[in-house]
């Protein structure tokens, strides 16, 4: 049961917590940097 709980925690971390942290860090970048990243990635 502990192994399954650890797997569930890993999935939650990778699918929920990590993307939120990335978005938070991205939000702190200067607008010019965000613009260039979006252009590079082809996102609107």
N, C-alpha and C. Protein backbone atom coordinates (compact mmCIF):
# COMPACT_ATOMS: atom_id res chain seq x y z
N UNK A 1 0.82 -1.20 0.00
CA UNK A 1 0.00 0.00 0.00
C UNK A 1 0.87 1.26 0.00
N UNK A 2 2.00 1.22 0.69
CA UNK A 2 2.88 2.38 0.74
C UNK A 2 3.45 2.69 -0.63
N UNK A 3 3.78 1.64 -1.38
CA UNK A 3 4.34 1.84 -2.72
C UNK A 3 3.32 2.52 -3.62
N UNK A 4 2.06 2.10 -3.53
CA UNK A 4 1.02 2.72 -4.35
C UNK A 4 0.83 4.18 -3.96
N UNK A 5 0.90 4.49 -2.68
CA UNK A 5 0.78 5.87 -2.22
C UNK A 5 1.94 6.71 -2.75
N UNK A 6 3.14 6.15 -2.74
CA UNK A 6 4.31 6.86 -3.28
C UNK A 6 4.14 7.12 -4.78
N UNK A 7 3.62 6.13 -5.50
CA UNK A 7 3.37 6.32 -6.94
C UNK A 7 2.33 7.41 -7.17
N UNK A 8 1.27 7.40 -6.37
CA UNK A 8 0.24 8.43 -6.49
C UNK A 8 0.82 9.81 -6.23
N UNK A 9 1.67 9.92 -5.22
CA UNK A 9 2.32 11.20 -4.93
C UNK A 9 3.21 11.65 -6.09
N UNK A 10 3.93 10.72 -6.70
CA UNK A 10 4.79 11.07 -7.84
C UNK A 10 3.95 11.58 -9.01
N UNK A 11 2.82 10.93 -9.26
CA UNK A 11 1.94 11.36 -10.35
C UNK A 11 1.38 12.74 -10.07
N UNK A 12 0.90 12.96 -8.85
CA UNK A 12 0.36 14.27 -8.48
C UNK A 12 1.43 15.35 -8.60
N UNK A 13 2.64 15.05 -8.17
CA UNK A 13 3.74 16.01 -8.27
C UNK A 13 4.01 16.39 -9.72
N UNK A 14 4.10 15.39 -10.58
CA UNK A 14 4.47 15.66 -11.97
C UNK A 14 3.33 16.29 -12.77
N UNK A 15 2.09 15.98 -12.42
CA UNK A 15 0.96 16.46 -13.21
C UNK A 15 0.31 17.72 -12.65
N UNK A 16 0.49 18.00 -11.38
CA UNK A 16 -0.19 19.14 -10.76
C UNK A 16 0.80 20.16 -10.19
N UNK A 17 1.63 19.72 -9.28
CA UNK A 17 2.51 20.66 -8.57
C UNK A 17 3.58 21.26 -9.47
N UNK A 18 4.23 20.42 -10.27
CA UNK A 18 5.32 20.91 -11.11
C UNK A 18 4.84 21.94 -12.13
N UNK A 19 3.76 21.68 -12.87
CA UNK A 19 3.29 22.71 -13.82
C UNK A 19 2.93 24.03 -13.14
N UNK A 20 2.38 23.97 -11.94
CA UNK A 20 2.05 25.21 -11.23
C UNK A 20 3.31 26.00 -10.91
N UNK A 21 4.37 25.30 -10.50
CA UNK A 21 5.63 25.98 -10.19
C UNK A 21 6.23 26.58 -11.46
N UNK A 22 6.16 25.87 -12.57
CA UNK A 22 6.69 26.38 -13.83
C UNK A 22 5.92 27.64 -14.23
N UNK A 23 4.59 27.61 -14.13
CA UNK A 23 3.78 28.78 -14.46
C UNK A 23 4.13 29.97 -13.57
N UNK A 24 4.36 29.69 -12.29
CA UNK A 24 4.71 30.76 -11.35
C UNK A 24 6.05 31.40 -11.72
N UNK A 25 7.02 30.58 -12.05
CA UNK A 25 8.34 31.10 -12.44
C UNK A 25 8.23 31.86 -13.75
N UNK A 26 7.49 31.31 -14.72
CA UNK A 26 7.31 31.97 -16.01
C UNK A 26 6.65 33.34 -15.82
N UNK A 27 5.71 33.42 -14.90
CA UNK A 27 5.01 34.68 -14.63
C UNK A 27 5.92 35.77 -14.09
N UNK A 28 7.03 35.38 -13.48
CA UNK A 28 7.96 36.37 -12.93
C UNK A 28 8.97 36.87 -13.95
N UNK A 29 8.99 36.29 -15.14
CA UNK A 29 9.92 36.73 -16.18
C UNK A 29 9.50 38.09 -16.73
N UNK A 30 10.44 38.88 -17.22
CA UNK A 30 10.09 40.14 -17.88
C UNK A 30 9.24 39.88 -19.13
N UNK A 31 8.39 40.83 -19.47
CA UNK A 31 7.49 40.66 -20.62
C UNK A 31 8.24 40.34 -21.90
N UNK A 32 9.38 40.99 -22.12
CA UNK A 32 10.15 40.73 -23.34
C UNK A 32 10.60 39.29 -23.43
N UNK A 33 11.04 38.73 -22.33
CA UNK A 33 11.47 37.34 -22.31
C UNK A 33 10.29 36.41 -22.58
N UNK A 34 9.14 36.71 -21.97
CA UNK A 34 7.95 35.88 -22.20
C UNK A 34 7.53 35.92 -23.67
N UNK A 35 7.61 37.12 -24.26
CA UNK A 35 7.23 37.28 -25.66
C UNK A 35 8.12 36.42 -26.56
N UNK A 36 9.43 36.44 -26.31
CA UNK A 36 10.36 35.65 -27.11
C UNK A 36 10.14 34.15 -26.91
N UNK A 37 9.86 33.74 -25.70
CA UNK A 37 9.60 32.32 -25.43
C UNK A 37 8.34 31.87 -26.16
N UNK A 38 7.28 32.69 -26.08
CA UNK A 38 6.04 32.33 -26.76
C UNK A 38 6.24 32.27 -28.27
N UNK A 39 7.02 33.20 -28.81
CA UNK A 39 7.30 33.19 -30.25
C UNK A 39 8.08 31.93 -30.62
N UNK A 40 9.10 31.60 -29.81
CA UNK A 40 9.91 30.41 -30.05
C UNK A 40 9.06 29.15 -30.02
N UNK A 41 8.13 29.09 -29.05
CA UNK A 41 7.32 27.90 -28.87
C UNK A 41 6.11 27.86 -29.80
N UNK A 42 5.83 28.97 -30.49
CA UNK A 42 4.70 29.02 -31.41
C UNK A 42 3.35 29.07 -30.69
N UNK A 43 3.33 29.65 -29.48
CA UNK A 43 2.08 29.77 -28.74
C UNK A 43 1.58 31.21 -28.79
N UNK A 44 0.26 31.39 -28.79
CA UNK A 44 -0.30 32.75 -28.86
C UNK A 44 -0.10 33.55 -27.59
